[in-house]
PDB file of N, CA and C in Angstrom:
ATOM      1  N   MET A   1       0.704  -1.575   0.205  1.00  0.00           N
ATOM      2  CA  MET A   1       0.048  -0.330   0.080  1.00  0.00           C
ATOM      3  C   MET A   1       1.124   0.503   0.524  1.00  0.00           C
ATOM      4  N   THR A   2       0.619   2.088  -0.742  1.00  0.00           N
ATOM      5  CA  THR A   2       1.357   3.452  -0.310  1.00  0.00           C
ATOM      6  C   THR A   2       0.373   4.645  -0.018  1.00  0.00           C
ATOM      7  N   LEU A   3       1.274   5.409   0.546  1.00  0.00           N
ATOM      8  CA  LEU A   3       0.513   6.223   1.610  1.00  0.00           C
ATOM      9  C   LEU A   3       0.736   7.673   1.051  1.00  0.00           C
ATOM     10  N   TYR A   4       0.266   8.218   0.077  1.00  0.00           N
ATOM     11  CA  TYR A   4       0.168   9.531   0.412  1.00  0.00           C
ATOM     12  C   TYR A   4       0.572  10.972   1.396  1.00  0.00           C
ATOM     13  N   PRO A   5       0.581  11.868   1.678  1.00  0.00           N
ATOM     14  CA  PRO A   5       0.520  13.173   2.357  1.00  0.00           C
ATOM     15  C   PRO A   5      -0.790  13.765   2.006  1.00  0.00           C
ATOM     16  N   GLY A   6      -1.199  13.762   2.938  1.00  0.00           N
ATOM     17  CA  GLY A   6      -2.404  14.175   4.013  1.00  0.00           C
ATOM     18  C   GLY A   6      -3.230  12.668   4.285  1.00  0.00           C
ATOM     19  N   ASP A   7      -3.287  11.188   3.324  1.00  0.00           N
ATOM     20  CA  ASP A   7      -3.544  10.586   3.744  1.00  0.00           C
ATOM     21  C   ASP A   7      -4.259  10.014   5.450  1.00  0.00           C
ATOM     22  N   VAL A   8      -5.204   9.391   5.746  1.00  0.00           N
ATOM     23  CA  VAL A   8      -5.777   9.910   7.590  1.00  0.00           C
ATOM     24  C   VAL A   8      -5.285   8.068   7.538  1.00  0.00           C
ATOM     25  N   ILE A   9      -4.714   7.213   8.337  1.00  0.00           N
ATOM     26  CA  ILE A   9      -4.464   6.271   9.440  1.00  0.00           C
ATOM     27  C   ILE A   9      -5.119   6.313  10.643  1.00  0.00           C
ATOM     28  N   PRO A  10      -6.963   6.027  10.681  1.00  0.00           N
ATOM     29  CA  PRO A  10      -7.467   5.764  12.050  1.00  0.00           C
ATOM     30  C   PRO A  10      -7.120   4.695  12.709  1.00  0.00           C
ATOM     31  N   THR A  11      -6.960   4.939  14.411  1.00  0.00           N
ATOM     32  CA  THR A  11      -6.565   4.198  15.351  1.00  0.00           C
ATOM     33  C   THR A  11      -7.344   3.909  16.619  1.00  0.00           C
ATOM     34  N   GLY A  12      -6.833   3.662  17.263  1.00  0.00           N
ATOM     35  CA  GLY A  12      -8.541   3.161  17.545  1.00  0.00           C
ATOM     36  C   GLY A  12      -8.252   1.356  19.137  1.00  0.00           C
ATOM     37  N   THR A  13      -8.898   2.210  19.848  1.00  0.00           N
ATOM     38  CA  THR A  13      -9.274   1.195  20.553  1.00  0.00           C
ATOM     39  C   THR A  13     -11.428   0.919  20.593  1.00  0.00           C
ATOM     40  N   PRO A  14     -12.168  -0.164  20.258  1.00  0.00           N
ATOM     41  CA  PRO A  14     -13.143  -0.177  20.970  1.00  0.00           C
ATOM     42  C   PRO A  14     -13.798   0.260  22.284  1.00  0.00           C
ATOM     43  N   SER A  15     -14.784   0.849  21.696  1.00  0.00           N
ATOM     44  CA  SER A  15     -15.888   1.608  23.182  1.00  0.00           C
ATOM     45  C   SER A  15     -15.787   0.498  23.690  1.00  0.00           C
ATOM     46  N   GLY A  16     -15.664   1.655  24.997  1.00  0.00           N
ATOM     47  CA  GLY A  16     -15.689   0.834  26.263  1.00  0.00           C
ATOM     48  C   GLY A  16     -14.320  -0.372  26.856  1.00  0.00           C
ATOM     49  N   VAL A  17     -13.644  -0.140  26.402  1.00  0.00           N
ATOM     50  CA  VAL A  17     -11.992  -0.310  27.078  1.00  0.00           C
ATOM     51  C   VAL A  17     -12.034   0.033  27.658  1.00  0.00           C
ATOM     52  N   GLY A  18     -11.892   1.012  27.884  1.00  0.00           N
ATOM     53  CA  GLY A  18     -11.128   1.676  29.196  1.00  0.00           C
ATOM     54  C   GLY A  18     -11.751   1.574  30.769  1.00  0.00           C
ATOM     55  N   ALA A  19     -13.858   0.633  30.640  1.00  0.00           N
ATOM     56  CA  ALA A  19     -14.475   0.644  31.783  1.00  0.00           C
ATOM     57  C   ALA A  19     -14.111  -1.220  31.959  1.00  0.00           C
ATOM     58  N   GLY A  20     -12.746  -1.964  31.254  1.00  0.00           N
ATOM     59  CA  GLY A  20     -12.452  -3.426  31.692  1.00  0.00           C
ATOM     60  C   GLY A  20     -11.743  -3.135  33.293  1.00  0.00           C
ATOM     61  N   PHE A  21     -11.376  -1.941  32.959  1.00  0.00           N
ATOM     62  CA  PHE A  21      -9.777  -1.662  33.972  1.00  0.00           C
ATOM     63  C   PHE A  21     -10.203  -1.451  35.778  1.00  0.00           C
ATOM     64  N   LYS A  22      -9.817  -2.074  35.948  1.00  0.00           N
ATOM     65  CA  LYS A  22     -10.668  -2.091  37.731  1.00  0.00           C
ATOM     66  C   LYS A  22      -8.979  -1.155  38.756  1.00  0.00           C
ATOM     67  N   PRO A  23      -9.444   0.150  39.201  1.00  0.00           N
ATOM     68  CA  PRO A  23     -10.175   1.161  38.523  1.00  0.00           C
ATOM     69  C   PRO A  23     -11.019   1.298  36.092  1.00  0.00           C
ATOM     70  N   PRO A  24     -12.007   1.045  35.857  1.00  0.00           N
ATOM     71  CA  PRO A  24     -11.638   1.856  35.049  1.00  0.00           C
ATOM     72  C   PRO A  24     -11.086   3.237  34.875  1.00  0.00           C
ATOM     73  N   ARG A  25     -10.929   3.673  33.686  1.00  0.00           N
ATOM     74  CA  ARG A  25      -9.643   4.603  33.563  1.00  0.00           C
ATOM     75  C   ARG A  25     -10.022   4.855  31.948  1.00  0.00           C
ATOM     76  N   PHE A  26     -10.510   5.689  31.572  1.00  0.00           N
ATOM     77  CA  PHE A  26     -11.051   7.034  30.736  1.00  0.00           C
ATOM     78  C   PHE A  26      -9.673   8.194  30.051  1.00  0.00           C
ATOM     79  N   LEU A  27      -9.857   8.674  29.132  1.00  0.00           N
ATOM     80  CA  LEU A  27      -8.917   9.283  29.358  1.00  0.00           C
ATOM     81  C   LEU A  27      -9.768  11.378  30.465  1.00  0.00           C
ATOM     82  N   ARG A  28      -8.791  11.619  29.756  1.00  0.00           N
ATOM     83  CA  ARG A  28      -9.522  12.368  30.762  1.00  0.00           C
ATOM     84  C   ARG A  28      -8.383  14.284  30.042  1.00  0.00           C
ATOM     85  N   PRO A  29      -8.992  14.958  30.170  1.00  0.00           N
ATOM     86  CA  PRO A  29      -8.281  16.741  29.610  1.00  0.00           C
ATOM     87  C   PRO A  29      -6.844  16.783  30.447  1.00  0.00           C
ATOM     88  N   GLY A  30      -6.175  17.170  29.417  1.00  0.00           N
ATOM     89  CA  GLY A  30      -4.624  16.771  30.172  1.00  0.00           C
ATOM     90  C   GLY A  30      -3.864  16.028  30.126  1.00  0.00           C
ATOM     91  N   ASP A  31      -4.387  14.366  30.010  1.00  0.00           N
ATOM     92  CA  ASP A  31      -3.634  13.027  29.497  1.00  0.00           C
ATOM     93  C   ASP A  31      -2.935  13.992  28.606  1.00  0.00           C
ATOM     94  N   THR A  32      -2.297  12.899  27.734  1.00  0.00           N
ATOM     95  CA  THR A  32      -1.230  13.164  26.702  1.00  0.00           C
ATOM     96  C   THR A  32      -1.539  11.809  25.654  1.00  0.00           C
ATOM     97  N   MET A  33      -1.009  11.957  24.852  1.00  0.00           N
ATOM     98  CA  MET A  33      -1.563  10.041  23.750  1.00  0.00           C
ATOM     99  C   MET A  33       0.093  10.992  22.785  1.00  0.00           C
ATOM    100  N   ARG A  34       0.556   9.543  22.906  1.00  0.00           N
ATOM    101  CA  ARG A  34       1.565   9.381  21.995  1.00  0.00           C
ATOM    102  C   ARG A  34       1.188   8.313  20.561  1.00  0.00           C
ATOM    103  N   LEU A  35       2.084   8.784  19.508  1.00  0.00           N
ATOM    104  CA  LEU A  35       1.376   8.273  18.846  1.00  0.00           C
ATOM    105  C   LEU A  35       2.881   8.121  17.764  1.00  0.00           C
ATOM    106  N   SER A  36       3.486   6.403  17.846  1.00  0.00           N
ATOM    107  CA  SER A  36       5.071   6.186  16.744  1.00  0.00           C
ATOM    108  C   SER A  36       4.651   5.572  15.829  1.00  0.00           C
ATOM    109  N   VAL A  37       5.759   5.633  14.524  1.00  0.00           N
ATOM    110  CA  VAL A  37       5.769   4.391  14.110  1.00  0.00           C
ATOM    111  C   VAL A  37       7.477   4.407  13.163  1.00  0.00           C
ATOM    112  N   GLU A  38       7.356   3.002  13.402  1.00  0.00           N
ATOM    113  CA  GLU A  38       9.104   3.381  13.443  1.00  0.00           C
ATOM    114  C   GLU A  38       9.823   3.209  11.430  1.00  0.00           C
ATOM    115  N   GLY A  39       9.666   4.062  11.679  1.00  0.00           N
ATOM    116  CA  GLY A  39      10.947   4.306  10.650  1.00  0.00           C
ATOM    117  C   GLY A  39       9.913   5.904  10.092  1.00  0.00           C
ATOM    118  N   LEU A  40       9.251   6.297  10.718  1.00  0.00           N
ATOM    119  CA  LEU A  40       7.888   7.299  10.375  1.00  0.00           C
ATOM    120  C   LEU A  40       8.049   8.438  10.544  1.00  0.00           C
ATOM    121  N   GLY A  41       8.149   8.296  12.310  1.00  0.00           N
ATOM    122  CA  GLY A  41       7.912   9.293  13.212  1.00  0.00           C
ATOM    123  C   GLY A  41       7.034   9.310  14.065  1.00  0.00           C
ATOM    124  N   GLU A  42       6.517  10.478  14.627  1.00  0.00           N
ATOM    125  CA  GLU A  42       6.220   9.734  16.175  1.00  0.00           C
ATOM    126  C   GLU A  42       4.954  11.218  16.247  1.00  0.00           C
ATOM    127  N   GLN A  43       3.942  10.753  16.607  1.00  0.00           N
ATOM    128  CA  GLN A  43       2.877  12.329  17.176  1.00  0.00           C
ATOM    129  C   GLN A  43       2.977  12.463  18.308  1.00  0.00           C
ATOM    130  N   THR A  44       2.330  13.770  19.281  1.00  0.00           N
ATOM    131  CA  THR A  44       1.298  14.225  20.390  1.00  0.00           C
ATOM    132  C   THR A  44       0.691  14.184  20.589  1.00  0.00           C
ATOM    133  N   GLN A  45       0.252  13.962  21.583  1.00  0.00           N
ATOM    134  CA  GLN A  45      -1.097  14.364  21.604  1.00  0.00           C
ATOM    135  C   GLN A  45      -2.237  15.423  22.953  1.00  0.00           C
ATOM    136  N   ARG A  46      -2.021  16.601  22.654  1.00  0.00           N
ATOM    137  CA  ARG A  46      -2.350  16.432  24.474  1.00  0.00           C
ATOM    138  C   ARG A  46      -3.874  17.171  24.370  1.00  0.00           C
ATOM    139  N   LEU A  47      -5.152  15.414  25.262  1.00  0.00           N
ATOM    140  CA  LEU A  47      -6.691  16.841  25.844  1.00  0.00           C
ATOM    141  C   LEU A  47      -6.885  17.590  26.081  1.00  0.00           C
ATOM    142  N   VAL A  48      -8.216  18.017  25.381  1.00  0.00           N
ATOM    143  CA  VAL A  48      -8.277  19.539  26.071  1.00  0.00           C
ATOM    144  C   VAL A  48      -9.675  18.421  26.462  1.00  0.00           C
ATOM    145  N   ALA A  49     -10.634  20.263  26.787  1.00  0.00           N
ATOM    146  CA  ALA A  49     -11.659  19.298  27.328  1.00  0.00           C
ATOM    147  C   ALA A  49     -12.900  20.453  26.674  1.00  0.00           C
ATOM    148  N   PHE A  50     -13.849  19.520  26.258  1.00  0.00           N
ATOM    149  CA  PHE A  50     -14.307  20.375  24.859  1.00  0.00           C
ATOM    150  C   PHE A  50     -14.993  21.408  24.949  1.00  0.00           C
ATOM    151  N   GLN A  51     -15.362  22.392  24.651  1.00  0.00           N
ATOM    152  CA  GLN A  51     -16.681  22.932  24.909  1.00  0.00           C
ATOM    153  C   GLN A  51     -17.004  24.038  23.654  1.00  0.00           C
ATOM    154  N   GLY A  52     -18.758  23.643  24.079  1.00  0.00           N
ATOM    155  CA  GLY A  52     -19.685  23.540  22.100  1.00  0.00           C
ATOM    156  C   GLY A  52     -20.825  24.045  23.053  1.00  0.00           C
TER     157      GLY A  52
END
């Protein structure tokens, strides 16, 4: 498969995964997520509260 600039690679886990921990663990504002792919790079995202 060839990837091009702007291609999106959706990733994640099924809903409800956090509820399986004891105690349950869910993402909260201020948490940081990091994704890295060897030979490609790394991205870091910090969660913020939704203000809609």
